[in-house]
Amino acid sequence: MLAHADSTDHQQWVLTTSARYFKSFRHFSGTEENKDRLKQHTEVINHTASLDINLTRILNDRWSIMIDLPVISNARSSLYEHGLINGVNNFNQRHSTHSFGIGDMRIAAYHWLFDPKKSTRGNIQLGLGIKLPTGDYDYQDYWYNVGPNGSKELRTVDQSIQLGDGGTGFTVEANTYYNVSHNFGVYANFYYLVNPREQNGVRTYRETLSPRLANEAIMSVPDQYMARGGFSYSLSNVVRGLTVAAGARLEGIPVHDIVGGSGDFRRPGYVWSAEPSINYTTKKYSIYVSVPIALARNRTQSVTDKENSATYNTYIRGDAAFADYSVNAGISFKF
């Protein structure tokens, strides 16, 4: 069976737990990979695992409300955060920092534009929500070789492994599908997080690495976006309820926010991925697995990069570590 909107007026709950894991380690500045980082073993390695607990209340065949709370575990290993002072690594030792806890909670309402009882082949669902700053955005762990005589010091972990961003944001979503035939259909999803707050006041310690990073001393609160689309094919003639899909996925952080300032420290950029997936659905539950595989990665020039370019009269663009792929899996229960 392909995608469909719920055509019943019966109220019910849907509990979804979804997990995601990825390892980011390939450094890009723009679209060019800095392969020397891997050869010299100076790359930053992030392991990120999250579990989203999502509870949805279906009010009728058009309206539903949802609350989502992620639990996140991060580990980050690097050289430059543990002994690099003014561009000189005095110890050449790799150490790790970690973070664990709940992330930012999100509450949203959804509405199918067309009557599911009449529009049986396709529909469009719109969603509006609010993201609350429930995740710790000043999580701290020990940095090594940064204190007197190479001692360790409790500092804020890198922005990439913070549990939250410190901003109250607003989300806009659109989900649509169209079933061309009984076993072939197309789908598309769009998500955008608007974060009006410019910065959260949390120190990055980047100014201790180089004087040129003085204007990156505080963390930005960036917008985020995701878009995906593709086709699905039902294998119910083989296994009832089994569907496979393939499509493209775009996700990233913009250089400029839609609302509010975009200064301070952020790593803007995006990744294009090919996304194969498989889904198995029954009347009471469904299971899915998808593996987006990166095809193109781009660490774009941030506002502070542009400020530094003007200040030092040279083109400056920071880098960011990207993953080769991510693994997403989830299960939903109706009750």
Foldseek 3Di string as FASTA:
>chain_A
DDDAFDQFFDKWKKKKKKKKWFKWWFKDAFQDTPCVCVVVVQTKIKIKMKIKIKMKIDNGRFKIKMKIKMWIKMKIKGQCQAQQFANDRPPRDIDMDIDTGIAKMKIKMKGWPDNRVPPVFKTKMKMKIKTHGPFAQQDWDWHFLPDPPTHIDIGGDARVRGRYFQFIWMKIKMKMKGHPDPFKIKIKIKMKIAGQFFFRAGARCVCRNHVLLPQQGTGTRFMKIKMKMWMKGDPCVPPNQKMKIKIKMKIWTDQAGPHHGRTHDDFTWMFIWIKIKMKGDDPFKIKMKIKTFTDTIGRDAHPSQVVSCVVVVHRGTDMDTDGRIMIMIMMMGMD
